[in-house]
Amino acid sequence: MSTSIATPNGQPMKLSNLPSRLIAISAMSISFAAAIQSQAGTPLGKDAAPVHSSSSSVNWLTGEGVNIGGIIFPHAHFQAVYGQTTADDLEHFGAGHHDPVSDGWTIQGFEFGASARVNEYFEAFGTYHLFQEADTRDWDGEFEEWFAKIKNLPGGFELRGGRFFNRFGLHNSTHLHGWNYIDNNLVNGRFLGDDALTTIGGEISWNLPTPWTSILSVSIGEAQSHDGHSHGHGHGHDHEEHGDHEEHEHHWFEGEDALFNDTVIVANWTNQYDYNDFHQFRYGASGAWGDNKMNELTQIYGVHFQYEWRQNGYETGGRYFRWRTEAMVRGFDYYARHEDEHEEEHGHHDDHDHHDDHDDHDEHGDDHEHEEEEEHHAHVHRGSETEFGIYSSLIYGLDNGLEFGLRGEYVSGVANTSLAERFRISPNVTYYLNPARTVYLRGQYNYDHSPEFDDQHGVWLQIGFNWGGGEVR
């Protein structure tokens, strides 16, 4: 029995059915934020931890300020993970191609890139990612991003063109070396793709004339996939690799079939409001629309919020705290054929005639009769589905290089597909080995739960090295 692209019963998900643990995540976040606020502090101009170095001088050990002719600024990054998990099918258990793919060592990747700052109007960026294939462990690579942009245009406009991680919420446009956790967020990996929602196209951004920073971005381009390192985004296995008929006969289509696969329009609106030197807020909304791998419509809507506090305000160093939350709703149409088991076992010869010998078919009947016969031996699933996902993350850092994180996540799942309902809690501890925070060790524990695979546990240790200054985004 084979399963081609399919779709469920068209019943929309009821948000009122979300588990009560989501309420616990929000309550935990609010209470932790209130406790930290009592210690006074300041805001943060970027998502990373405060850096204890000056960008005005060249530091060859950290790469800060290193340049070629004052125009080209190189970057290099390396991340690797060692750990163990109770999950049996880890390759399809992750939420992104950077995630650990097996017990033991996983080389998450080497990145080599450069930022070009030609003048106050023109900038460019490119980065190449070298990685190991999830299944064969062979080395492969791709240019994750390459784009140029024109900024400081009249009216507050900016243009960007090339291949880029789309501005959708807060996490999507961040590379692995900028993550606060070892693995990708569940909702980002499932809704936006293994690595990120990435397109080749153009984008226009408008810095709105408001008292605070408010930027509206709209892009259009062709969605890019990352061949060789796909994940199931649920407890689903690949048909061809695993061949387990009983495991997959209820899957009308694979979860990745709902991802964007053609022209995509993406809109993002993000605001940044500095209450004072110590407290900063970022908030906004996003949307994306395009065809999926079933040649049907997929649309995603998201909201994002971040509160940040820094003990030393705009100055570097000191303690810091960040609370970030993103929530998304995805709706998609589907069309899939589920072949009848009897037809597959006993009708192979007829199926061969239908698909491989159209001339003989024309001699014995027309295309309409052919389609009717195929429909008789197959279940056709057509409809629409809605899925919800959310993550909430807390980061608290000390001035001695220690950083503590806690992330809670939930995705609602879709019946009769590999998109399983899933809940995950991930506490972690990071220790930065140098004042510039370019070399670090990170330990993380994952508690994973789903009706498909019950409770799973994972313990991971990551090593990371980042070299170079800030990148053009």
Protein backbone atom coordinates (compact mmCIF):
# COMPACT_ATOMS: atom_id res chain seq x y z
CA MET A 1 0.00 0.00 0.00
CA SER A 2 1.36 3.43 -0.91
CA THR A 3 0.45 6.84 0.33
CA SER A 4 0.65 9.87 -1.92
CA ILE A 5 -0.18 13.42 -1.01
CA ALA A 6 -3.36 13.39 1.04
CA THR A 7 -5.38 15.42 3.47
CA PRO A 8 -7.61 15.09 6.48
CA ASN A 9 -11.26 15.58 7.22
CA GLY A 10 -11.23 19.36 6.87
CA GLN A 11 -12.30 19.95 10.45
CA PRO A 12 -10.61 23.12 11.75
CA MET A 13 -8.65 22.87 14.96
CA LYS A 14 -10.39 24.36 17.99
CA LEU A 15 -8.00 26.62 19.86
CA SER A 16 -10.07 26.12 22.99
CA ASN A 17 -8.74 22.56 23.12
CA LEU A 18 -5.14 23.61 23.77
CA PRO A 19 -3.73 21.80 26.79
CA SER A 20 -3.64 23.53 30.15
CA ARG A 21 0.15 23.32 30.23
CA LEU A 22 0.28 26.26 27.79
CA ILE A 23 -1.32 28.37 30.51
CA ALA A 24 1.37 27.14 32.88
CA ILE A 25 4.09 28.23 30.45
CA SER A 26 2.69 31.76 30.24
CA ALA A 27 2.19 32.02 34.00
CA MET A 28 5.73 30.80 34.61
CA SER A 29 7.08 33.36 32.13
CA ILE A 30 5.19 36.27 33.69
CA SER A 31 6.17 35.38 37.24
CA PHE A 32 9.83 34.95 36.32
CA ALA A 33 9.81 38.28 34.45
CA ALA A 34 8.31 40.07 37.45
CA ALA A 35 10.94 38.60 39.77
CA ILE A 36 13.82 39.72 37.56
CA GLN A 37 12.44 43.25 37.01
CA SER A 38 12.86 44.00 40.67
CA GLN A 39 16.65 44.03 40.15
CA ALA A 40 16.65 47.15 37.85
CA GLY A 41 18.55 47.27 34.59
CA THR A 42 18.56 48.40 30.98
CA PRO A 43 17.46 47.40 27.50
CA LEU A 44 19.22 45.64 24.82
CA GLY A 45 19.84 46.74 21.29
CA LYS A 46 20.22 43.20 19.93
CA ASP A 47 19.19 39.69 20.88
CA ALA A 48 22.64 38.42 21.81
CA ALA A 49 24.11 38.61 25.31
CA PRO A 50 26.00 41.81 26.18
CA VAL A 51 29.47 41.73 24.63
CA HIS A 52 32.43 42.83 26.72
CA SER A 53 34.52 44.22 23.88
CA SER A 54 34.81 47.35 21.81
CA SER A 55 34.02 47.26 18.10
CA SER A 56 36.25 50.28 17.46
CA SER A 57 39.47 48.19 17.51
CA VAL A 58 40.65 45.09 15.69
CA ASN A 59 40.78 41.86 17.70
CA TRP A 60 42.22 38.97 15.71
CA LEU A 61 41.26 36.40 18.36
CA THR A 62 37.55 37.20 18.20
CA GLY A 63 37.45 38.65 14.68
CA GLU A 64 35.86 41.86 15.94
CA GLY A 65 36.79 44.72 13.62
CA VAL A 66 38.83 42.53 11.22
CA ASN A 67 38.29 43.77 7.66
CA ILE A 68 39.72 43.92 4.16
CA GLY A 69 40.03 47.46 2.88
CA GLY A 70 37.45 48.69 5.35
CA ILE A 71 34.73 47.07 3.20
CA ILE A 72 34.81 43.26 3.60
CA PHE A 73 34.24 41.89 7.12
CA PRO A 74 34.72 38.08 7.34
CA HIS A 75 32.85 35.69 9.64
CA ALA A 76 33.39 32.06 10.70
CA HIS A 77 31.32 29.81 12.96
CA PHE A 78 31.41 26.22 14.20
CA GLN A 79 28.88 24.27 16.29
CA ALA A 80 28.86 20.61 17.31
CA VAL A 81 26.77 18.55 19.75
CA TYR A 82 27.34 15.38 21.76
CA GLY A 83 24.54 13.64 23.61
CA GLN A 84 22.08 10.81 24.14
CA THR A 85 18.32 10.46 23.72
CA THR A 86 15.66 7.84 24.33
CA ALA A 87 14.06 8.54 20.92
CA ASP A 88 14.42 5.65 18.46
CA ASP A 89 14.13 7.65 15.23
CA LEU A 90 16.11 10.77 16.02
CA GLU A 91 16.71 11.73 12.39
CA HIS A 92 12.99 12.40 11.97
CA PHE A 93 12.54 13.61 15.54
CA GLY A 94 14.24 17.01 15.20
CA ALA A 95 12.63 20.27 14.18
CA GLY A 96 15.41 21.41 11.84
CA HIS A 97 18.43 20.24 9.89
CA HIS A 98 20.79 21.75 12.48
CA ASP A 99 19.30 19.57 15.22
CA PRO A 100 21.16 16.49 16.55
CA VAL A 101 20.54 13.49 14.29
CA SER A 102 21.95 10.63 16.36
CA ASP A 103 23.37 9.62 19.72
CA GLY A 104 26.97 10.64 20.07
CA TRP A 105 28.45 13.44 17.98
CA THR A 106 26.56 15.64 15.52
CA ILE A 107 28.53 18.25 13.56
CA GLN A 108 25.92 20.98 13.25
CA GLY A 109 28.07 22.81 10.77
CA PHE A 110 30.83 25.14 9.72
CA GLU A 111 29.80 28.55 8.38
CA PHE A 112 32.05 30.84 6.40
CA GLY A 113 30.73 34.21 5.33
CA ALA A 114 31.41 37.88 4.83
CA SER A 115 29.61 41.19 5.17
CA ALA A 116 30.31 44.00 2.69
CA ARG A 117 29.78 47.57 3.84
CA VAL A 118 30.59 49.67 0.79
CA ASN A 119 29.10 52.97 1.92
CA GLU A 120 26.09 54.33 3.79
CA TYR A 121 23.75 53.15 1.02
CA PHE A 122 25.02 49.75 -0.16
CA GLU A 123 25.67 46.55 1.81
CA ALA A 124 25.83 42.83 1.02
CA PHE A 125 26.12 39.51 2.82
CA GLY A 126 26.85 35.89 1.95
CA THR A 127 27.44 32.74 3.98
CA TYR A 128 28.27 29.13 3.09
CA HIS A 129 27.19 26.30 5.39
CA LEU A 130 29.16 23.03 5.42
CA PHE A 131 27.37 20.11 7.09
CA GLN A 132 27.08 16.33 7.29
CA GLU A 133 24.19 14.55 5.60
CA ALA A 134 21.79 13.18 8.21
CA ASP A 135 21.61 9.66 6.80
CA THR A 136 24.98 9.00 5.09
CA ARG A 137 27.25 11.27 7.19
CA ASP A 138 28.79 12.49 3.92
CA TRP A 139 29.85 16.12 3.82
CA ASP A 140 27.77 18.56 1.79
CA GLY A 141 27.23 22.29 1.71
CA GLU A 142 25.12 25.15 0.43
CA PHE A 143 25.03 28.92 0.32
CA GLU A 144 22.42 29.61 2.99
CA GLU A 145 22.21 33.30 2.19
CA TRP A 146 23.55 35.72 -0.43
CA PHE A 147 21.96 39.10 -0.86
CA ALA A 148 22.62 42.78 -1.45
CA LYS A 149 20.67 45.68 -0.04
CA ILE A 150 20.27 49.40 -0.63
CA LYS A 151 19.44 51.36 2.51
CA ASN A 152 18.86 54.93 3.68
CA LEU A 153 16.59 55.66 0.73
CA PRO A 154 14.28 58.70 0.84
CA GLY A 155 11.16 58.15 2.91
CA GLY A 156 12.87 55.55 5.15
CA PHE A 157 12.86 52.72 2.58
CA GLU A 158 15.30 49.84 2.12
CA LEU A 159 15.58 47.27 -0.69
CA ARG A 160 17.03 43.78 -0.45
CA GLY A 161 17.46 41.15 -3.16
CA GLY A 162 18.96 37.66 -3.41
CA ARG A 163 18.59 34.57 -1.27
CA PHE A 164 17.72 35.36 2.33
CA PHE A 165 16.03 34.14 5.49
CA ASN A 166 12.72 35.96 5.42
CA ARG A 167 11.77 38.44 8.09
CA PHE A 168 8.98 36.51 9.78
CA GLY A 169 8.71 37.03 13.52
CA LEU A 170 11.89 37.09 15.59
CA HIS A 171 13.57 33.69 15.20
CA ASN A 172 13.29 32.86 11.51
CA SER A 173 16.02 35.23 10.27
CA THR A 174 18.56 34.07 12.91
CA HIS A 175 21.37 31.67 11.97
CA LEU A 176 22.39 28.72 14.14
CA HIS A 177 25.26 30.60 15.75
CA GLY A 178 22.79 33.19 17.09
CA TRP A 179 20.46 30.68 18.76
CA ASN A 180 20.09 30.45 22.53
CA TYR A 181 19.20 26.74 22.35
CA ILE A 182 20.85 23.71 20.79
CA ASP A 183 17.89 22.88 18.55
CA ASN A 184 15.25 24.68 16.52
CA ASN A 185 11.84 25.70 17.90
CA LEU A 186 9.14 23.14 17.11
CA VAL A 187 6.74 25.64 15.55
CA ASN A 188 9.43 27.24 13.40
CA GLY A 189 10.66 23.92 12.05
CA ARG A 190 7.19 22.55 11.37
CA PHE A 191 5.55 25.65 9.88
CA LEU A 192 8.46 27.46 8.20
CA GLY A 193 10.85 24.64 7.26
CA ASP A 194 13.85 22.64 8.44
CA ASP A 195 16.22 25.58 8.48
CA ALA A 196 14.10 28.71 8.02
CA LEU A 197 11.60 30.18 5.62
CA THR A 198 14.09 31.04 2.86
CA THR A 199 13.35 32.59 -0.53
CA ILE A 200 15.17 33.87 -3.59
CA GLY A 201 13.50 37.14 -4.45
CA GLY A 202 13.18 40.75 -3.42
CA GLU A 203 12.11 42.64 -0.33
CA ILE A 204 11.15 46.21 0.49
CA SER A 205 11.22 47.54 4.06
CA TRP A 206 9.79 50.80 5.32
CA ASN A 207 10.91 52.51 8.52
CA LEU A 208 7.60 54.05 9.49
CA PRO A 209 7.56 57.68 10.72
CA THR A 210 6.75 56.90 14.36
CA PRO A 211 8.33 58.09 17.65
CA TRP A 212 9.57 54.52 18.20
CA THR A 213 11.25 52.11 15.74
CA SER A 214 8.59 50.51 13.54
CA ILE A 215 9.56 48.58 10.40
CA LEU A 216 7.22 47.02 7.84
CA SER A 217 8.75 44.53 5.39
CA VAL A 218 7.15 42.80 2.38
CA SER A 219 8.92 40.25 0.19
CA ILE A 220 8.09 38.00 -2.74
CA GLY A 221 10.21 35.11 -3.94
CA GLU A 222 10.58 31.40 -4.62
CA ALA A 223 10.67 29.17 -1.53
CA GLN A 224 13.91 27.20 -1.14
CA SER A 225 14.19 23.71 0.29
CA HIS A 226 17.20 22.16 1.99
CA ASP A 227 17.81 18.86 0.25
CA GLY A 228 19.43 16.00 2.13
CA HIS A 229 18.47 16.91 5.67
CA SER A 230 14.71 16.84 6.02
CA HIS A 231 12.93 15.97 9.24
CA GLY A 232 9.46 14.61 9.86
CA HIS A 233 8.43 17.36 12.32
CA GLY A 234 6.46 14.80 14.21
CA HIS A 235 6.64 11.10 14.94
CA GLY A 236 6.52 10.11 11.30
CA HIS A 237 8.98 8.03 9.30
CA ASP A 238 9.91 8.14 5.66
CA HIS A 239 8.09 5.56 3.58
CA GLU A 240 10.93 4.63 1.29
CA GLU A 241 13.63 4.47 3.95
CA HIS A 242 11.71 2.54 6.56
CA GLY A 243 9.04 0.72 4.60
CA ASP A 244 6.78 0.16 7.58
CA HIS A 245 3.35 -0.22 6.05
CA GLU A 246 1.40 -0.52 9.28
CA GLU A 247 3.11 2.55 10.72
CA HIS A 248 2.05 4.77 7.83
CA GLU A 249 -1.24 3.50 6.47
CA HIS A 250 -3.14 6.18 8.40
CA HIS A 251 -0.94 9.02 7.07
CA TRP A 252 -2.84 10.68 4.24
CA PHE A 253 0.16 12.87 3.50
CA GLU A 254 3.52 13.74 5.03
CA GLY A 255 3.88 16.87 7.13
CA GLU A 256 6.42 18.43 4.79
CA ASP A 257 3.83 18.46 2.00
CA ALA A 258 2.19 21.45 3.74
CA LEU A 259 5.38 23.56 3.47
CA PHE A 260 5.76 26.33 0.92
CA ASN A 261 7.03 25.08 -2.43
CA ASP A 262 6.59 27.90 -4.94
CA THR A 263 6.12 31.66 -4.96
CA VAL A 264 5.68 33.01 -1.44
CA ILE A 265 4.62 36.44 -0.25
CA VAL A 266 5.83 37.35 3.25
CA ALA A 267 4.92 40.40 5.34
CA ASN A 268 6.41 41.32 8.70
CA TRP A 269 5.78 44.27 11.03
CA THR A 270 8.08 44.67 14.04
CA ASN A 271 8.20 47.50 16.57
CA GLN A 272 10.90 48.32 19.11
CA TYR A 273 10.04 50.56 22.04
CA ASP A 274 12.67 51.58 24.60
CA TYR A 275 10.83 52.41 27.80
CA ASN A 276 14.12 53.74 29.20
CA ASP A 277 17.79 52.78 29.10
CA PHE A 278 17.08 49.54 30.92
CA HIS A 279 13.83 48.14 29.49
CA GLN A 280 13.07 47.37 25.85
CA PHE A 281 10.01 45.88 24.15
CA ARG A 282 9.73 44.32 20.69
CA TYR A 283 6.40 43.22 19.25
CA GLY A 284 4.65 42.73 15.94
CA ALA A 285 2.86 40.43 13.52
CA SER A 286 3.70 38.42 10.40
CA GLY A 287 1.99 36.64 7.52
CA ALA A 288 3.02 34.35 4.65
CA TRP A 289 1.00 33.07 1.67
CA GLY A 290 1.88 30.62 -1.11
CA ASP A 291 1.40 27.19 -2.68
CA ASN A 292 2.50 24.08 -0.82
CA LYS A 293 3.94 20.81 -2.14
CA MET A 294 0.43 19.59 -2.90
CA ASN A 295 -0.13 22.58 -5.21
CA GLU A 296 -2.66 23.93 -2.75
CA LEU A 297 -2.69 27.09 -0.63
CA THR A 298 -0.80 27.42 2.66
CA GLN A 299 -1.06 30.54 4.79
CA ILE A 300 0.64 31.32 8.10
CA TYR A 301 -0.09 34.13 10.57
CA GLY A 302 2.08 34.91 13.56
CA VAL A 303 2.48 37.34 16.44
CA HIS A 304 5.70 37.95 18.37
CA PHE A 305 6.67 39.67 21.60
CA GLN A 306 9.94 40.21 23.46
CA TYR A 307 10.80 42.00 26.69
CA GLU A 308 14.44 42.66 27.52
CA TRP A 309 16.25 44.10 30.52
CA ARG A 310 19.93 44.94 30.94
CA GLN A 311 21.58 45.89 34.18
CA ASN A 312 24.00 48.33 32.51
CA GLY A 313 21.58 49.77 30.01
CA TYR A 314 23.13 50.53 26.64
CA GLU A 315 26.61 49.86 28.04
CA THR A 316 28.13 46.41 27.67
CA GLY A 317 28.40 43.89 30.51
CA GLY A 318 26.19 43.31 33.51
CA ARG A 319 23.27 40.98 34.05
CA TYR A 320 20.46 40.67 31.54
CA PHE A 321 17.07 39.04 31.10
CA ARG A 322 14.99 38.29 28.01
CA TRP A 323 11.48 36.87 27.62
CA ARG A 324 10.45 35.98 24.07
CA THR A 325 7.23 34.41 22.78
CA GLU A 326 6.01 33.64 19.27
CA ALA A 327 2.67 32.10 18.32
CA MET A 328 1.56 31.00 14.84
CA VAL A 329 -1.52 29.62 13.15
CA ARG A 330 -1.17 27.75 9.87
CA GLY A 331 -4.01 26.94 7.53
CA PHE A 332 -3.51 24.80 4.45
CA ASP A 333 -5.56 23.11 1.75
CA TYR A 334 -4.71 19.62 0.69
CA TYR A 335 -5.36 17.09 -2.05
CA ALA A 336 -4.05 13.55 -1.75
CA ARG A 337 -4.66 10.10 -3.07
CA HIS A 338 -4.51 7.08 -0.81
CA GLU A 339 -4.17 3.94 -2.95
CA ASP A 340 -6.35 0.97 -2.14
CA GLU A 341 -4.39 -1.99 -0.77
CA HIS A 342 -6.22 -4.48 -3.00
CA GLU A 343 -5.40 -2.42 -6.07
CA GLU A 344 -1.74 -2.26 -5.13
CA GLU A 345 -1.44 -6.00 -4.56
CA HIS A 346 -3.56 -7.34 -7.46
CA GLY A 347 -3.81 -4.52 -9.96
CA HIS A 348 -0.17 -3.81 -10.67
CA HIS A 349 -0.45 -4.82 -14.30
CA ASP A 350 -3.41 -2.51 -14.92
CA ASP A 351 -1.67 0.35 -13.13
CA HIS A 352 1.38 -0.20 -15.35
CA ASP A 353 -0.80 -0.03 -18.44
CA HIS A 354 -2.49 3.17 -17.28
CA HIS A 355 0.71 5.06 -16.54
CA ASP A 356 3.29 3.62 -18.92
CA ASP A 357 1.35 2.75 -22.08
CA HIS A 358 -0.93 5.65 -22.93
CA ASP A 359 -1.15 4.60 -26.59
CA ASP A 360 -2.74 1.25 -25.68
CA HIS A 361 -5.05 3.11 -23.32
CA ASP A 362 -6.26 5.39 -26.07
CA GLU A 363 -7.16 2.31 -28.14
CA HIS A 364 -9.45 0.88 -25.47
CA GLY A 365 -10.97 3.92 -23.80
CA ASP A 366 -10.72 7.65 -23.23
CA ASP A 367 -9.04 9.54 -20.39
CA HIS A 368 -12.33 9.99 -18.54
CA GLU A 369 -12.80 6.22 -18.22
CA HIS A 370 -9.21 5.94 -17.03
CA GLU A 371 -9.78 8.47 -14.26
CA GLU A 372 -12.99 6.79 -13.15
CA GLU A 373 -11.20 3.46 -12.85
CA GLU A 374 -8.39 5.05 -10.83
CA GLU A 375 -10.87 6.76 -8.49
CA HIS A 376 -12.53 3.39 -7.93
CA HIS A 377 -9.32 1.96 -6.54
CA ALA A 378 -8.16 4.97 -4.49
CA HIS A 379 -9.31 7.15 -1.62
CA VAL A 380 -9.09 10.83 -2.52
CA HIS A 381 -8.71 13.23 0.39
CA ARG A 382 -9.40 16.90 -0.20
CA GLY A 383 -10.02 19.68 2.31
CA SER A 384 -8.32 22.13 4.62
CA GLU A 385 -6.69 22.00 8.04
CA THR A 386 -5.58 24.44 10.73
CA GLU A 387 -2.66 23.98 13.12
CA PHE A 388 -1.44 26.09 16.04
CA GLY A 389 2.05 26.40 17.51
CA ILE A 390 3.76 28.48 20.21
CA TYR A 391 7.05 28.76 22.07
CA SER A 392 8.04 30.87 25.04
CA SER A 393 11.65 31.34 26.12
CA LEU A 394 13.34 32.85 29.19
CA ILE A 395 17.03 33.79 29.24
CA TYR A 396 18.85 35.13 32.31
CA GLY A 397 22.56 35.93 32.13
CA LEU A 398 25.18 36.82 34.71
CA ASP A 399 28.25 38.98 34.30
CA ASN A 400 30.57 36.01 34.93
CA GLY A 401 29.71 34.26 31.64
CA LEU A 402 26.92 32.00 32.92
CA GLU A 403 23.55 32.07 31.17
CA PHE A 404 20.40 30.14 32.09
CA GLY A 405 17.56 29.37 29.68
CA LEU A 406 14.12 27.76 29.82
CA ARG A 407 11.90 27.11 26.79
CA GLY A 408 8.38 25.70 26.59
CA GLU A 409 6.79 24.73 23.25
CA TYR A 410 3.61 23.25 21.84
CA VAL A 411 2.28 22.32 18.37
CA SER A 412 -1.28 21.08 18.03
CA GLY A 413 -0.86 18.49 15.27
CA VAL A 414 -3.13 17.32 12.44
CA ALA A 415 -4.97 14.00 12.41
CA ASN A 416 -4.14 11.34 9.80
CA THR A 417 -0.76 12.88 8.98
CA SER A 418 2.79 12.76 10.34
CA LEU A 419 2.09 16.10 12.08
CA ALA A 420 1.72 14.81 15.62
CA GLU A 421 0.64 16.89 18.60
CA ARG A 422 3.78 17.63 20.60
CA PHE A 423 4.90 19.38 23.78
CA ARG A 424 8.51 20.05 24.82
CA ILE A 425 10.32 21.65 27.77
CA SER A 426 14.03 22.54 27.42
CA PRO A 427 16.11 23.98 30.28
CA ASN A 428 19.72 24.79 29.47
CA VAL A 429 22.91 26.35 30.85
CA THR A 430 25.52 28.16 28.76
CA TYR A 431 29.01 29.15 29.85
CA TYR A 432 30.93 31.67 27.76
CA LEU A 433 34.65 30.99 28.05
CA ASN A 434 35.89 34.46 27.09
CA PRO A 435 34.73 38.03 27.79
CA ALA A 436 33.74 38.55 24.14
CA ARG A 437 31.41 35.52 24.43
CA THR A 438 32.60 33.99 21.16
CA VAL A 439 33.51 30.56 22.61
CA TYR A 440 30.99 28.67 24.71
CA LEU A 441 29.77 25.37 26.15
CA ARG A 442 26.04 24.71 26.39
CA GLY A 443 24.23 21.89 28.15
CA GLN A 444 20.54 21.21 27.47
CA TYR A 445 17.89 18.72 28.57
CA ASN A 446 14.78 18.05 26.48
CA TYR A 447 11.57 16.56 27.83
CA ASP A 448 9.37 15.63 24.87
CA HIS A 449 5.80 14.38 24.99
CA SER A 450 3.34 13.38 22.29
CA PRO A 451 0.40 10.98 22.07
CA GLU A 452 2.35 9.35 19.22
CA PHE A 453 5.50 8.52 21.20
CA ASP A 454 4.70 9.18 24.89
CA ASP A 455 7.63 10.59 26.92
CA GLN A 456 11.12 11.01 25.47
CA HIS A 457 14.24 12.48 27.05
CA GLY A 458 17.45 13.90 25.62
CA VAL A 459 20.63 15.35 27.13
CA TRP A 460 23.02 17.36 24.93
CA LEU A 461 26.30 19.22 25.24
CA GLN A 462 27.17 21.77 22.57
CA ILE A 463 30.45 23.49 21.81
CA GLY A 464 30.43 26.69 19.78
CA PHE A 465 32.94 29.06 18.28
CA ASN A 466 32.07 32.35 16.55
CA TRP A 467 34.61 34.64 14.87
CA GLY A 468 33.90 38.04 13.35
CA GLY A 469 31.86 41.15 14.06
CA GLY A 470 28.23 41.91 13.45
CA GLU A 471 26.70 40.63 10.22
CA VAL A 472 24.73 42.57 7.63
CA ARG A 473 21.06 41.70 7.98
